[in-house]
Amino acid sequence: MKKQNTLDDLINEIHQFHQSITAQSDEELLLFSKTLFSTTKPTKTANALLIKIYALVLEIFKRKRIAIHDTHLKAAIALDQGKLLVLESDEDKNIAVVFPA
């Protein structure tokens, strides 16, 4: 039986995929986002789409010079999984809710 990804594994995969899209232009990222959202087919892993979308959102925040930390990603993944959580600041809350939205 295949082991499910842990939260840290997911975050590492998000960062790895993020590295592969950082050199793309804004236009290329826009096209990439359109292909992501037009593809609703099942993927090999349940988290494959999440990884790509979160990496894309991470790059958008980076280009807007907004610092994103792993705690934001962990909170976003928890929200995406339907979990409740408590975050210290309104800024952290605002950042975390963007990813699953």
N, C-alpha and C. Protein backbone atom coordinates (compact mmCIF):
# COMPACT_ATOMS: atom_id res chain seq x y z
N MET A 1 0.85 -1.19 0.00
CA MET A 1 0.00 0.00 0.00
C MET A 1 0.89 1.25 0.00
N LYS A 2 0.54 2.21 -0.84
CA LYS A 2 1.33 3.44 -0.97
C LYS A 2 1.05 4.37 0.20
N LYS A 3 2.13 4.93 0.74
CA LYS A 3 2.01 5.86 1.86
C LYS A 3 1.48 7.21 1.36
N GLN A 4 0.52 7.77 2.08
CA GLN A 4 0.00 9.08 1.71
C GLN A 4 1.03 10.16 2.02
N ASN A 5 0.95 11.23 1.25
CA ASN A 5 1.85 12.36 1.48
C ASN A 5 1.57 13.00 2.83
N THR A 6 2.64 13.32 3.53
CA THR A 6 2.48 14.08 4.76
C THR A 6 2.40 15.56 4.38
N LEU A 7 2.05 16.36 5.34
CA LEU A 7 1.95 17.80 5.10
C LEU A 7 3.29 18.37 4.64
N ASP A 8 4.37 17.95 5.27
CA ASP A 8 5.70 18.43 4.88
C ASP A 8 6.07 17.97 3.47
N ASP A 9 5.67 16.75 3.10
CA ASP A 9 5.92 16.26 1.74
C ASP A 9 5.19 17.13 0.72
N LEU A 10 3.94 17.46 1.03
CA LEU A 10 3.16 18.32 0.13
C LEU A 10 3.81 19.68 -0.05
N ILE A 11 4.25 20.25 1.05
CA ILE A 11 4.88 21.57 0.99
C ILE A 11 6.18 21.50 0.18
N ASN A 12 6.96 20.44 0.37
CA ASN A 12 8.18 20.27 -0.42
C ASN A 12 7.86 20.15 -1.90
N GLU A 13 6.81 19.42 -2.24
CA GLU A 13 6.42 19.28 -3.65
C GLU A 13 5.93 20.61 -4.22
N ILE A 14 5.24 21.39 -3.41
CA ILE A 14 4.80 22.73 -3.85
C ILE A 14 6.02 23.59 -4.17
N HIS A 15 7.00 23.58 -3.26
CA HIS A 15 8.22 24.37 -3.49
C HIS A 15 8.99 23.88 -4.73
N GLN A 16 9.06 22.57 -4.91
CA GLN A 16 9.76 22.03 -6.09
C GLN A 16 9.07 22.46 -7.37
N PHE A 17 7.75 22.34 -7.41
CA PHE A 17 7.04 22.74 -8.62
C PHE A 17 7.13 24.25 -8.81
N HIS A 18 7.11 24.99 -7.70
CA HIS A 18 7.24 26.45 -7.77
C HIS A 18 8.54 26.83 -8.46
N GLN A 19 9.62 26.13 -8.13
CA GLN A 19 10.91 26.42 -8.75
C GLN A 19 10.86 26.23 -10.27
N SER A 20 10.03 25.31 -10.73
CA SER A 20 9.96 25.04 -12.17
C SER A 20 9.16 26.10 -12.93
N ILE A 21 8.43 26.96 -12.24
CA ILE A 21 7.63 27.97 -12.94
C ILE A 21 8.10 29.40 -12.69
N THR A 22 9.12 29.59 -11.88
CA THR A 22 9.55 30.95 -11.53
C THR A 22 10.09 31.73 -12.72
N ALA A 23 10.64 31.06 -13.70
CA ALA A 23 11.21 31.76 -14.86
C ALA A 23 10.17 32.10 -15.92
N GLN A 24 8.95 31.63 -15.75
CA GLN A 24 7.92 31.89 -16.75
C GLN A 24 7.45 33.34 -16.68
N SER A 25 7.08 33.87 -17.83
CA SER A 25 6.57 35.24 -17.90
C SER A 25 5.15 35.27 -17.33
N ASP A 26 4.65 36.48 -17.11
CA ASP A 26 3.27 36.63 -16.64
C ASP A 26 2.29 36.00 -17.62
N GLU A 27 2.54 36.18 -18.90
CA GLU A 27 1.67 35.62 -19.93
C GLU A 27 1.68 34.10 -19.90
N GLU A 28 2.87 33.53 -19.71
CA GLU A 28 2.98 32.07 -19.63
C GLU A 28 2.26 31.53 -18.41
N LEU A 29 2.37 32.26 -17.29
CA LEU A 29 1.66 31.83 -16.08
C LEU A 29 0.15 31.93 -16.25
N LEU A 30 -0.30 32.96 -16.95
CA LEU A 30 -1.73 33.10 -17.21
C LEU A 30 -2.23 31.93 -18.05
N LEU A 31 -1.49 31.58 -19.08
CA LEU A 31 -1.86 30.43 -19.91
C LEU A 31 -1.85 29.14 -19.09
N PHE A 32 -0.83 28.99 -18.26
CA PHE A 32 -0.73 27.82 -17.39
C PHE A 32 -1.94 27.74 -16.46
N SER A 33 -2.34 28.87 -15.90
CA SER A 33 -3.49 28.88 -14.98
C SER A 33 -4.77 28.49 -15.72
N LYS A 34 -4.91 28.95 -16.95
CA LYS A 34 -6.10 28.59 -17.73
C LYS A 34 -6.15 27.10 -18.02
N THR A 35 -4.99 26.51 -18.31
CA THR A 35 -4.97 25.07 -18.56
C THR A 35 -5.25 24.28 -17.28
N LEU A 36 -4.78 24.79 -16.15
CA LEU A 36 -5.05 24.12 -14.88
C LEU A 36 -6.54 24.08 -14.59
N PHE A 37 -7.20 25.20 -14.76
CA PHE A 37 -8.60 25.29 -14.38
C PHE A 37 -9.53 24.69 -15.43
N SER A 38 -9.02 24.45 -16.63
CA SER A 38 -9.85 23.79 -17.63
C SER A 38 -9.69 22.28 -17.56
N THR A 39 -8.70 21.82 -16.79
CA THR A 39 -8.46 20.40 -16.64
C THR A 39 -9.03 19.93 -15.32
N THR A 40 -10.11 19.20 -15.39
CA THR A 40 -10.71 18.68 -14.16
C THR A 40 -10.70 17.16 -14.16
N LYS A 41 -9.83 16.58 -14.99
CA LYS A 41 -9.71 15.13 -15.06
C LYS A 41 -9.01 14.62 -13.81
N PRO A 42 -9.34 13.39 -13.39
CA PRO A 42 -8.62 12.80 -12.25
C PRO A 42 -7.14 12.68 -12.58
N THR A 43 -6.31 12.88 -11.58
CA THR A 43 -4.86 12.81 -11.78
C THR A 43 -4.31 11.58 -11.07
N LYS A 44 -3.04 11.32 -11.29
CA LYS A 44 -2.42 10.15 -10.67
C LYS A 44 -2.49 10.21 -9.16
N THR A 45 -2.27 11.38 -8.61
CA THR A 45 -2.37 11.53 -7.16
C THR A 45 -3.43 12.59 -6.87
N ALA A 46 -4.05 12.44 -5.74
CA ALA A 46 -5.12 13.37 -5.36
C ALA A 46 -4.59 14.79 -5.18
N ASN A 47 -3.30 14.91 -4.89
CA ASN A 47 -2.73 16.22 -4.58
C ASN A 47 -2.03 16.88 -5.76
N ALA A 48 -2.00 16.25 -6.92
CA ALA A 48 -1.25 16.79 -8.05
C ALA A 48 -1.75 18.17 -8.46
N LEU A 49 -3.05 18.34 -8.53
CA LEU A 49 -3.62 19.63 -8.91
C LEU A 49 -3.38 20.67 -7.82
N LEU A 50 -3.55 20.27 -6.57
CA LEU A 50 -3.30 21.17 -5.44
C LEU A 50 -1.87 21.71 -5.49
N ILE A 51 -0.92 20.84 -5.75
CA ILE A 51 0.49 21.24 -5.79
C ILE A 51 0.72 22.30 -6.86
N LYS A 52 0.16 22.09 -8.04
CA LYS A 52 0.36 23.04 -9.14
C LYS A 52 -0.33 24.37 -8.86
N ILE A 53 -1.55 24.31 -8.35
CA ILE A 53 -2.28 25.55 -8.07
C ILE A 53 -1.60 26.34 -6.96
N TYR A 54 -1.22 25.66 -5.89
CA TYR A 54 -0.57 26.36 -4.78
C TYR A 54 0.77 26.94 -5.20
N ALA A 55 1.52 26.23 -6.05
CA ALA A 55 2.79 26.77 -6.56
C ALA A 55 2.54 28.02 -7.40
N LEU A 56 1.49 28.00 -8.19
CA LEU A 56 1.13 29.17 -9.00
C LEU A 56 0.76 30.36 -8.11
N VAL A 57 -0.06 30.12 -7.11
CA VAL A 57 -0.44 31.20 -6.18
C VAL A 57 0.80 31.72 -5.44
N LEU A 58 1.68 30.81 -5.05
CA LEU A 58 2.92 31.20 -4.37
C LEU A 58 3.75 32.12 -5.27
N GLU A 59 3.84 31.81 -6.55
CA GLU A 59 4.59 32.65 -7.48
C GLU A 59 3.93 34.02 -7.66
N ILE A 60 2.62 34.04 -7.69
CA ILE A 60 1.92 35.33 -7.80
C ILE A 60 2.20 36.20 -6.59
N PHE A 61 2.13 35.62 -5.40
CA PHE A 61 2.47 36.38 -4.19
C PHE A 61 3.91 36.88 -4.26
N LYS A 62 4.83 36.02 -4.71
CA LYS A 62 6.24 36.40 -4.81
C LYS A 62 6.41 37.60 -5.73
N ARG A 63 5.72 37.58 -6.86
CA ARG A 63 5.83 38.69 -7.82
C ARG A 63 5.22 39.97 -7.28
N LYS A 64 4.30 39.85 -6.36
CA LYS A 64 3.70 41.03 -5.71
C LYS A 64 4.48 41.42 -4.46
N ARG A 65 5.61 40.73 -4.25
CA ARG A 65 6.51 40.99 -3.11
C ARG A 65 5.81 40.80 -1.76
N ILE A 66 4.99 39.76 -1.69
CA ILE A 66 4.34 39.39 -0.43
C ILE A 66 5.00 38.10 0.04
N ALA A 67 5.57 38.14 1.23
CA ALA A 67 6.29 36.98 1.76
C ALA A 67 5.31 35.89 2.19
N ILE A 68 5.55 34.69 1.69
CA ILE A 68 4.74 33.53 2.05
C ILE A 68 5.65 32.55 2.77
N HIS A 69 5.16 32.06 3.90
CA HIS A 69 5.93 31.11 4.71
C HIS A 69 5.23 29.76 4.70
N ASP A 70 5.96 28.75 5.10
CA ASP A 70 5.38 27.41 5.14
C ASP A 70 4.16 27.35 6.06
N THR A 71 4.13 28.19 7.09
CA THR A 71 2.95 28.20 7.97
C THR A 71 1.70 28.62 7.20
N HIS A 72 1.85 29.52 6.25
CA HIS A 72 0.71 29.92 5.40
C HIS A 72 0.26 28.74 4.55
N LEU A 73 1.23 28.02 3.99
CA LEU A 73 0.89 26.86 3.17
C LEU A 73 0.22 25.77 3.99
N LYS A 74 0.74 25.53 5.19
CA LYS A 74 0.13 24.52 6.07
C LYS A 74 -1.30 24.90 6.42
N ALA A 75 -1.52 26.16 6.73
CA ALA A 75 -2.87 26.62 7.06
C ALA A 75 -3.79 26.49 5.85
N ALA A 76 -3.28 26.83 4.67
CA ALA A 76 -4.09 26.74 3.45
C ALA A 76 -4.48 25.29 3.16
N ILE A 77 -3.54 24.38 3.32
CA ILE A 77 -3.83 22.97 3.07
C ILE A 77 -4.86 22.46 4.07
N ALA A 78 -4.72 22.87 5.33
CA ALA A 78 -5.69 22.47 6.36
C ALA A 78 -7.08 22.99 6.01
N LEU A 79 -7.18 24.23 5.58
CA LEU A 79 -8.47 24.79 5.17
C LEU A 79 -9.03 24.02 3.98
N ASP A 80 -8.18 23.70 3.03
CA ASP A 80 -8.60 22.96 1.85
C ASP A 80 -9.14 21.58 2.21
N GLN A 81 -8.64 21.03 3.30
CA GLN A 81 -9.09 19.72 3.78
C GLN A 81 -10.31 19.83 4.69
N GLY A 82 -10.83 21.04 4.85
CA GLY A 82 -12.03 21.24 5.65
C GLY A 82 -11.79 21.34 7.14
N LYS A 83 -10.55 21.56 7.53
CA LYS A 83 -10.21 21.66 8.95
C LYS A 83 -10.36 23.09 9.43
N LEU A 84 -10.62 23.22 10.71
CA LEU A 84 -10.66 24.54 11.34
C LEU A 84 -9.31 24.82 11.95
N LEU A 85 -8.91 26.08 11.96
CA LEU A 85 -7.63 26.44 12.55
C LEU A 85 -7.67 27.84 13.09
N VAL A 86 -6.69 28.13 13.92
CA VAL A 86 -6.56 29.45 14.52
C VAL A 86 -5.24 30.04 14.06
N LEU A 87 -5.31 31.25 13.51
CA LEU A 87 -4.11 31.96 13.09
C LEU A 87 -4.00 33.24 13.90
N GLU A 88 -2.78 33.65 14.16
CA GLU A 88 -2.53 34.78 15.04
C GLU A 88 -2.99 36.12 14.47
N SER A 89 -2.63 36.39 13.24
CA SER A 89 -2.90 37.73 12.71
C SER A 89 -3.90 37.69 11.57
N ASP A 90 -4.52 38.83 11.34
CA ASP A 90 -5.45 38.94 10.21
C ASP A 90 -4.70 38.76 8.89
N GLU A 91 -3.47 39.24 8.84
CA GLU A 91 -2.68 39.08 7.61
C GLU A 91 -2.47 37.60 7.29
N ASP A 92 -2.11 36.81 8.32
CA ASP A 92 -1.93 35.37 8.11
C ASP A 92 -3.22 34.73 7.61
N LYS A 93 -4.33 35.14 8.18
CA LYS A 93 -5.63 34.59 7.77
C LYS A 93 -5.92 34.95 6.32
N ASN A 94 -5.69 36.21 5.97
CA ASN A 94 -5.96 36.66 4.61
C ASN A 94 -5.12 35.93 3.58
N ILE A 95 -3.86 35.68 3.92
CA ILE A 95 -2.98 34.97 2.99
C ILE A 95 -3.41 33.52 2.87
N ALA A 96 -3.68 32.87 3.98
CA ALA A 96 -4.00 31.44 3.97
C ALA A 96 -5.27 31.12 3.18
N VAL A 97 -6.26 32.00 3.23
CA VAL A 97 -7.52 31.69 2.55
C VAL A 97 -7.44 31.85 1.04
N VAL A 98 -6.44 32.54 0.55
CA VAL A 98 -6.32 32.75 -0.90
C VAL A 98 -6.00 31.44 -1.62
N PHE A 99 -5.17 30.61 -1.05
CA PHE A 99 -4.73 29.38 -1.72
C PHE A 99 -5.90 28.44 -2.04
N PRO A 100 -6.72 28.05 -1.06
CA PRO A 100 -7.82 27.14 -1.41
C PRO A 100 -8.97 27.81 -2.17
N ALA A 101 -9.00 29.14 -2.17
CA ALA A 101 -10.08 29.84 -2.87
C ALA A 101 -9.90 29.66 -4.35
